[in-house]
Amino acid sequence: MQFTVDRDVLSEAVSWAARSLSPRPPAPVLSGLLITAENQQVVISSFDYEVSAQLSIEAEVVHEGTVLVSGRLLNDIVKSLPHAPVTFSLEENKVIVTCKSSTFTLTTMPVDEYPDLPAQPDVAGVVDGSSFARAVSQVITAAARDDTLPLLTAVKLEIEGDTITFFATDRYRLAMREITWRPTDPAISTSLQVKAKTLNEVAKSLAGAGDLALAISDDDALVGFSSGGRRTTSTLVDGDYPKIRQLFPEETPIHAVVNTAELIEAARRVSLVSERNGYIRLQFSDDNRVTLDAGVDDNASASEAVGAHLNGEPITVGFNPSYLNEGLGVFDTEFLRFSFVSAPKPAMITGQQEGEGENSTDFRYLLMPVRLQDR
């Protein structure tokens, strides 16, 4: 086996495939990248029994063949090489990587012990990559980040016709985002539960290349994504996901509209003095402002007011600073609309553009309040 390829092309390909490598692989061979050279193409694959990744690049192939080498080590090596053509060759059981005056030797792993990658399911439709990436970046904010409840580390995708609805929750906040797509079957109706981490990697590495193809296996056990010559598959998370949609209130008698940038900056500053397990208090008053304050003792405290247009009774609520700041940070509208049923009930945050009488509900962030202490 021997091929030559531009260093930047190889580095980008190896780096992308290595993203799917598990830090604790279930078998030693799954720490490797499977590299196949044939027909002037080099195919690089990774797999850990849950997520697979594969892409092909053009190369000058002198001798065809297949090798398996340590993925993380190869990634580090290729990134360190000078910007020049790289020659990759196999000599007995060693891989020789040369670039200008640099030479690296790697021990290979047994190719015959590497499992077959799952086949890409049939394409169910196509979605705009940028819309998909934006939706993922917003909803994963509310996904759980530890494995205490593994199901909540997933994002649920409900697919009904030409609409995909993303749901995520860690029990303290909920996120919902809707986008349209182009399904092959206009009557499609299904749901998928994909790990938030996997969706995030797909959004970052595949969704920027234009249209993103979404593939679903017949038994709804596997989902696939492909774009720009790259493809990845993931097993789905099993279990009964919480019924999130019904938790978003249909009627809210209290509304407040605030400038997004001003509120984000004020919340960031005030949260600096919020101690662990503390909160930020928001007092929406009928004098067209909201006052944010934090700090529970004499050590430190902060208070800041920004303009807010209130419709309804004045209301005072408290939120976990991290949950509030993270939620505010994923909105891309000029204004935010807070909708309340009452102070003890969750607050629904949506976006609103200047001049629009109605708020945009494509993305909804539902935040549980905390119990306020007397100050």
Protein backbone atom coordinates (compact mmCIF):
# COMPACT_ATOMS: atom_id res chain seq x y z
CA MET A 1 0.00 0.00 0.00
CA GLN A 2 1.27 3.45 -0.90
CA PHE A 3 -0.34 6.77 -1.67
CA THR A 4 0.53 10.46 -1.72
CA VAL A 5 -1.85 13.27 -0.80
CA ASP A 6 -1.72 16.94 0.13
CA ARG A 7 -1.05 17.42 3.83
CA ASP A 8 -4.02 19.76 4.42
CA VAL A 9 -6.46 17.40 2.71
CA LEU A 10 -5.18 14.42 4.72
CA SER A 11 -5.17 16.35 7.99
CA GLU A 12 -8.75 17.51 7.59
CA ALA A 13 -9.92 14.01 6.68
CA VAL A 14 -8.09 12.27 9.54
CA SER A 15 -9.24 14.90 12.04
CA TRP A 16 -12.87 14.51 11.01
CA ALA A 17 -12.83 10.71 11.18
CA ALA A 18 -10.98 10.75 14.52
CA ARG A 19 -13.77 12.80 16.12
CA SER A 20 -15.88 9.66 16.35
CA LEU A 21 -13.22 7.66 18.18
CA SER A 22 -14.23 6.73 21.71
CA PRO A 23 -11.85 7.76 24.53
CA ARG A 24 -12.57 4.35 26.04
CA PRO A 25 -13.07 2.00 23.08
CA PRO A 26 -14.80 -1.32 23.79
CA ALA A 27 -12.01 -3.11 21.91
CA PRO A 28 -8.40 -2.03 21.17
CA VAL A 29 -8.90 -2.11 17.40
CA LEU A 30 -11.69 0.46 17.71
CA SER A 31 -9.11 3.06 18.70
CA GLY A 32 -7.83 2.87 15.13
CA LEU A 33 -8.69 4.42 11.80
CA LEU A 34 -9.27 2.02 8.93
CA ILE A 35 -7.57 3.40 5.82
CA THR A 36 -8.22 1.87 2.38
CA ALA A 37 -6.48 3.04 -0.80
CA GLU A 38 -7.88 2.02 -4.19
CA ASN A 39 -8.95 3.54 -7.51
CA GLN A 40 -7.12 6.81 -6.75
CA GLN A 41 -9.27 7.24 -3.64
CA VAL A 42 -8.44 6.92 0.05
CA VAL A 43 -11.33 5.95 2.34
CA ILE A 44 -10.91 6.66 6.06
CA SER A 45 -13.32 5.07 8.56
CA SER A 46 -13.91 4.97 12.31
CA PHE A 47 -16.41 2.99 14.39
CA ASP A 48 -17.15 2.28 18.07
CA TYR A 49 -20.30 0.13 17.72
CA GLU A 50 -22.47 3.21 18.32
CA VAL A 51 -21.19 5.86 15.92
CA SER A 52 -19.47 5.34 12.58
CA ALA A 53 -17.82 7.89 10.32
CA GLN A 54 -16.46 7.50 6.80
CA LEU A 55 -15.18 9.79 4.06
CA SER A 56 -13.10 9.53 0.92
CA ILE A 57 -10.44 11.83 -0.52
CA GLU A 58 -8.62 11.86 -3.82
CA ALA A 59 -5.00 10.72 -3.72
CA GLU A 60 -2.21 9.45 -5.94
CA VAL A 61 -2.44 5.74 -5.18
CA VAL A 62 0.65 3.76 -6.20
CA HIS A 63 -0.22 0.50 -4.45
CA GLU A 64 -3.69 -0.38 -3.20
CA GLY A 65 -4.30 -1.81 0.24
CA THR A 66 -5.88 -1.46 3.67
CA VAL A 67 -4.32 -0.69 7.06
CA LEU A 68 -5.50 0.02 10.59
CA VAL A 69 -3.51 2.47 12.70
CA SER A 70 -3.97 4.41 15.94
CA GLY A 71 -6.37 7.21 15.09
CA ARG A 72 -5.44 9.77 17.72
CA LEU A 73 -1.71 9.31 17.18
CA LEU A 74 -2.07 9.59 13.41
CA ASN A 75 -4.17 12.72 13.85
CA ASP A 76 -1.49 14.33 16.04
CA ILE A 77 1.24 13.38 13.57
CA VAL A 78 -0.51 14.66 10.45
CA LYS A 79 -1.41 17.97 12.09
CA SER A 80 2.25 18.52 12.97
CA LEU A 81 3.58 17.94 9.45
CA PRO A 82 4.74 20.81 7.22
CA HIS A 83 2.46 22.01 4.42
CA ALA A 84 3.66 19.68 1.69
CA PRO A 85 2.64 16.37 0.05
CA VAL A 86 2.48 13.41 2.46
CA THR A 87 3.43 9.87 1.43
CA PHE A 88 1.73 7.05 3.32
CA SER A 89 3.20 3.56 2.78
CA LEU A 90 3.03 0.10 4.32
CA GLU A 91 6.21 -1.89 4.85
CA GLU A 92 5.60 -5.31 6.40
CA ASN A 93 3.59 -4.46 9.57
CA LYS A 94 4.68 -0.82 9.80
CA VAL A 95 3.17 2.33 8.32
CA ILE A 96 5.69 4.94 7.17
CA VAL A 97 4.47 8.54 7.00
CA THR A 98 6.88 10.93 5.28
CA CYS A 99 6.63 14.64 4.51
CA LYS A 100 9.69 16.55 3.37
CA SER A 101 12.39 15.59 5.89
CA SER A 102 9.93 14.26 8.51
CA THR A 103 9.44 10.51 8.87
CA PHE A 104 7.14 8.69 11.30
CA THR A 105 6.76 4.96 11.78
CA LEU A 106 3.53 3.47 13.17
CA THR A 107 2.69 -0.08 14.16
CA THR A 108 -0.44 -1.41 12.49
CA MET A 109 -3.35 -3.22 14.10
CA PRO A 110 -4.97 -6.41 12.76
CA VAL A 111 -7.39 -5.41 10.00
CA ASP A 112 -9.28 -8.71 10.17
CA GLU A 113 -10.36 -7.93 13.75
CA TYR A 114 -12.00 -4.66 12.76
CA PRO A 115 -15.82 -4.93 12.57
CA ASP A 116 -17.80 -4.09 9.46
CA LEU A 117 -19.26 -0.61 9.48
CA PRO A 118 -23.08 -0.47 9.42
CA ALA A 119 -24.58 0.20 6.01
CA GLN A 120 -26.01 3.66 5.46
CA PRO A 121 -29.84 3.47 5.71
CA ASP A 122 -32.07 4.69 2.90
CA VAL A 123 -32.30 8.47 2.67
CA ALA A 124 -35.55 9.74 4.19
CA GLY A 125 -35.12 13.33 3.10
CA VAL A 126 -32.90 16.39 2.87
CA VAL A 127 -32.61 19.36 5.21
CA ASP A 128 -30.81 22.67 4.83
CA GLY A 129 -27.52 22.24 6.68
CA SER A 130 -27.41 25.68 8.25
CA SER A 131 -30.98 25.40 9.55
CA PHE A 132 -30.21 21.99 11.01
CA ALA A 133 -27.03 23.23 12.67
CA ARG A 134 -28.79 26.23 14.18
CA ALA A 135 -31.60 24.10 15.57
CA VAL A 136 -29.16 21.64 17.12
CA SER A 137 -27.04 24.39 18.70
CA GLN A 138 -30.15 25.82 20.34
CA VAL A 139 -31.84 22.69 21.71
CA ILE A 140 -28.75 20.89 23.04
CA THR A 141 -28.44 23.70 25.57
CA ALA A 142 -31.20 21.96 27.53
CA ALA A 143 -29.90 18.38 27.18
CA ALA A 144 -28.51 16.59 30.24
CA ARG A 145 -24.71 16.45 30.42
CA ASP A 146 -24.19 13.46 32.68
CA ASP A 147 -25.28 9.84 32.46
CA THR A 148 -27.44 9.85 35.60
CA LEU A 149 -30.42 9.62 33.26
CA PRO A 150 -28.92 8.49 29.90
CA LEU A 151 -32.18 9.08 28.06
CA LEU A 152 -31.98 12.82 28.81
CA THR A 153 -28.56 13.08 27.14
CA ALA A 154 -30.45 12.58 23.88
CA VAL A 155 -32.35 14.97 21.67
CA LYS A 156 -35.69 13.77 20.40
CA LEU A 157 -36.56 14.47 16.77
CA GLU A 158 -40.25 14.23 15.92
CA ILE A 159 -40.79 14.04 12.18
CA GLU A 160 -44.24 14.79 10.79
CA GLY A 161 -44.44 15.42 7.07
CA ASP A 162 -42.23 18.36 6.14
CA THR A 163 -41.57 19.42 9.77
CA ILE A 164 -38.85 18.25 12.16
CA THR A 165 -39.28 19.21 15.81
CA PHE A 166 -36.28 18.97 18.13
CA PHE A 167 -36.81 18.44 21.89
CA ALA A 168 -34.32 18.39 24.78
CA THR A 169 -34.58 18.55 28.57
CA ASP A 170 -32.53 17.95 31.70
CA ARG A 171 -35.68 18.29 33.89
CA TYR A 172 -34.84 21.89 34.86
CA ARG A 173 -35.24 23.47 31.42
CA LEU A 174 -36.82 22.40 28.17
CA ALA A 175 -36.06 23.40 24.60
CA MET A 176 -38.12 22.95 21.45
CA ARG A 177 -37.25 24.00 17.89
CA GLU A 178 -39.09 23.42 14.62
CA ILE A 179 -37.62 23.46 11.11
CA THR A 180 -38.85 22.36 7.71
CA TRP A 181 -37.18 19.80 5.45
CA ARG A 182 -37.80 17.92 2.19
CA PRO A 183 -38.85 14.33 2.94
CA THR A 184 -38.92 11.65 0.26
CA ASP A 185 -42.28 10.53 1.67
CA PRO A 186 -44.56 13.53 2.37
CA ALA A 187 -46.60 11.41 4.80
CA ILE A 188 -43.64 10.35 6.95
CA SER A 189 -44.37 10.16 10.69
CA THR A 190 -41.67 8.92 13.06
CA SER A 191 -39.43 9.96 15.94
CA LEU A 192 -35.73 9.51 16.69
CA GLN A 193 -33.71 9.88 19.88
CA VAL A 194 -30.09 10.79 19.12
CA LYS A 195 -27.37 11.58 21.63
CA ALA A 196 -26.88 15.33 21.89
CA LYS A 197 -23.12 14.90 21.57
CA THR A 198 -23.53 13.02 18.29
CA LEU A 199 -25.96 15.58 16.88
CA ASN A 200 -23.58 18.37 17.84
CA GLU A 201 -20.69 16.70 16.00
CA VAL A 202 -22.89 16.20 12.93
CA ALA A 203 -23.98 19.83 13.01
CA LYS A 204 -20.41 21.10 13.30
CA SER A 205 -18.78 18.82 10.75
CA LEU A 206 -21.45 18.04 8.15
CA ALA A 207 -24.11 20.74 8.21
CA GLY A 208 -21.88 23.46 6.78
CA ALA A 209 -21.61 21.84 3.34
CA GLY A 210 -25.10 22.75 2.08
CA ASP A 211 -27.88 20.18 2.09
CA LEU A 212 -27.70 17.40 4.68
CA ALA A 213 -29.25 14.02 3.88
CA LEU A 214 -31.04 12.27 6.74
CA ALA A 215 -31.32 8.48 6.55
CA ILE A 216 -33.40 6.23 8.80
CA SER A 217 -33.20 2.42 9.01
CA ASP A 218 -36.37 0.38 8.47
CA ASP A 219 -36.37 -0.77 12.10
CA ASP A 220 -35.80 2.79 13.41
CA ALA A 221 -32.64 1.58 15.20
CA LEU A 222 -30.10 3.57 13.19
CA VAL A 223 -29.89 7.09 11.82
CA GLY A 224 -27.47 8.28 9.18
CA PHE A 225 -26.29 11.69 8.01
CA SER A 226 -24.34 12.47 4.86
CA SER A 227 -23.07 15.56 3.07
CA GLY A 228 -20.15 16.51 0.86
CA GLY A 229 -18.77 12.97 0.55
CA ARG A 230 -18.86 12.36 4.30
CA ARG A 231 -21.26 10.08 6.09
CA THR A 232 -21.88 9.10 9.68
CA THR A 233 -24.29 6.71 11.38
CA SER A 234 -25.44 6.44 14.98
CA THR A 235 -27.50 3.97 16.96
CA LEU A 236 -30.57 5.53 18.51
CA VAL A 237 -31.21 5.92 22.23
CA ASP A 238 -33.99 3.63 23.42
CA GLY A 239 -36.64 4.55 25.98
CA ASP A 240 -39.76 6.62 26.52
CA TYR A 241 -38.76 10.25 26.22
CA PRO A 242 -40.68 12.74 28.42
CA LYS A 243 -43.71 14.29 26.75
CA ILE A 244 -42.23 17.77 26.50
CA ARG A 245 -44.61 19.42 24.06
CA GLN A 246 -47.53 19.42 26.49
CA LEU A 247 -45.47 21.25 29.13
CA PHE A 248 -45.31 24.45 27.11
CA PRO A 249 -48.23 26.64 28.21
CA GLU A 250 -50.90 27.48 25.66
CA GLU A 251 -52.10 30.62 27.45
CA THR A 252 -49.91 33.06 29.37
CA PRO A 253 -51.52 36.20 30.83
CA ILE A 254 -48.19 37.94 31.61
CA HIS A 255 -45.69 38.96 28.90
CA ALA A 256 -42.52 41.03 28.94
CA VAL A 257 -40.37 42.00 25.94
CA VAL A 258 -36.68 42.83 26.52
CA ASN A 259 -33.79 43.70 24.22
CA THR A 260 -31.74 40.51 23.83
CA ALA A 261 -28.25 42.02 23.87
CA GLU A 262 -28.98 44.28 26.83
CA LEU A 263 -30.44 41.46 28.91
CA ILE A 264 -27.60 39.05 28.08
CA GLU A 265 -24.98 41.56 29.19
CA ALA A 266 -26.86 42.50 32.35
CA ALA A 267 -27.44 38.85 33.33
CA ARG A 268 -23.79 38.02 32.70
CA ARG A 269 -22.60 40.84 34.93
CA VAL A 270 -25.06 40.25 37.75
CA SER A 271 -24.38 36.48 37.80
CA LEU A 272 -20.74 37.18 38.73
CA VAL A 273 -21.76 37.57 42.38
CA SER A 274 -24.18 34.65 42.44
CA GLU A 275 -22.80 31.96 44.69
CA ARG A 276 -23.06 28.26 44.03
CA ASN A 277 -26.72 27.19 44.17
CA GLY A 278 -27.63 30.87 44.06
CA TYR A 279 -29.96 32.57 41.64
CA ILE A 280 -30.64 35.72 39.68
CA ARG A 281 -33.85 37.51 40.57
CA LEU A 282 -35.76 39.30 37.82
CA GLN A 283 -38.36 41.87 38.84
CA PHE A 284 -40.58 42.88 35.94
CA SER A 285 -42.34 46.10 36.91
CA ASP A 286 -44.96 48.28 35.23
CA ASP A 287 -42.49 51.17 34.86
CA ASN A 288 -41.08 49.56 31.68
CA ARG A 289 -38.03 47.90 33.15
CA VAL A 290 -36.77 44.65 34.60
CA THR A 291 -34.36 44.74 37.54
CA LEU A 292 -31.85 41.91 37.89
CA ASP A 293 -30.12 41.29 41.19
CA ALA A 294 -28.00 38.59 42.83
CA GLY A 295 -26.02 38.04 46.03
CA VAL A 296 -27.39 36.78 49.31
CA ASP A 297 -25.00 38.18 51.91
CA ASP A 298 -22.64 41.07 52.63
CA ASN A 299 -19.76 39.58 50.64
CA ALA A 300 -21.03 40.69 47.24
CA SER A 301 -24.19 41.75 45.53
CA ALA A 302 -25.20 43.25 42.22
CA SER A 303 -28.20 44.96 40.68
CA GLU A 304 -28.92 46.26 37.19
CA ALA A 305 -32.01 47.42 35.35
CA VAL A 306 -32.80 47.26 31.63
CA GLY A 307 -35.84 48.35 29.68
CA ALA A 308 -38.74 45.92 29.44
CA HIS A 309 -42.25 46.30 28.07
CA LEU A 310 -44.62 44.49 30.44
CA ASN A 311 -48.13 43.39 29.51
CA GLY A 312 -49.92 42.09 32.60
CA GLU A 313 -49.34 42.13 36.33
CA PRO A 314 -45.83 42.85 37.71
CA ILE A 315 -43.98 39.63 38.48
CA THR A 316 -40.80 38.60 40.30
CA VAL A 317 -39.01 35.33 39.48
CA GLY A 318 -35.66 33.71 40.18
CA PHE A 319 -33.60 31.51 37.87
CA ASN A 320 -30.45 29.43 38.04
CA PRO A 321 -27.78 31.78 36.57
CA SER A 322 -26.20 29.16 34.29
CA TYR A 323 -29.52 27.97 32.93
CA LEU A 324 -30.64 31.54 32.29
CA ASN A 325 -27.40 32.70 30.65
CA GLU A 326 -27.07 29.59 28.50
CA GLY A 327 -30.65 29.88 27.32
CA LEU A 328 -30.40 33.57 26.48
CA GLY A 329 -27.18 33.00 24.57
CA VAL A 330 -28.72 30.76 21.88
CA PHE A 331 -31.32 33.28 20.71
CA ASP A 332 -30.59 35.22 17.52
CA THR A 333 -33.52 37.63 17.60
CA GLU A 334 -33.32 41.32 18.56
CA PHE A 335 -35.80 40.94 21.39
CA LEU A 336 -36.79 38.25 23.89
CA ARG A 337 -40.32 37.63 25.05
CA PHE A 338 -40.88 36.21 28.54
CA SER A 339 -44.29 34.58 28.98
CA PHE A 340 -45.63 33.66 32.42
CA VAL A 341 -48.66 31.89 33.83
CA SER A 342 -47.60 32.82 37.38
CA ALA A 343 -44.36 33.22 39.37
CA PRO A 344 -44.14 29.57 40.57
CA LYS A 345 -44.75 28.23 37.05
CA PRO A 346 -42.02 27.83 34.39
CA ALA A 347 -41.24 30.83 32.21
CA MET A 348 -41.35 30.42 28.44
CA ILE A 349 -38.79 32.45 26.50
CA THR A 350 -39.18 33.04 22.78
CA GLY A 351 -37.68 35.45 20.26
CA GLN A 352 -39.17 38.52 18.64
CA GLN A 353 -37.88 40.81 15.90
CA GLU A 354 -38.35 44.58 15.88
CA GLY A 355 -41.66 45.64 14.39
CA GLU A 356 -43.25 42.19 14.78
CA GLY A 357 -46.38 42.17 16.88
CA GLU A 358 -46.21 38.43 17.47
CA ASN A 359 -43.29 36.48 18.85
CA SER A 360 -41.50 33.77 16.90
CA THR A 361 -42.20 30.34 18.35
CA ASP A 362 -39.84 28.35 16.12
CA PHE A 363 -37.60 28.07 19.19
CA ARG A 364 -38.98 27.91 22.72
CA TYR A 365 -36.98 27.72 25.93
CA LEU A 366 -38.89 26.78 29.07
CA LEU A 367 -37.07 27.54 32.32
CA MET A 368 -38.02 26.31 35.77
CA PRO A 369 -37.92 29.03 38.45
CA VAL A 370 -36.21 28.62 41.81
CA ARG A 371 -37.69 29.34 45.19
CA LEU A 372 -36.91 32.89 46.20
CA GLN A 373 -35.55 33.72 49.64
CA ASP A 374 -36.42 36.84 51.60
CA ARG A 375 -33.73 39.51 51.24
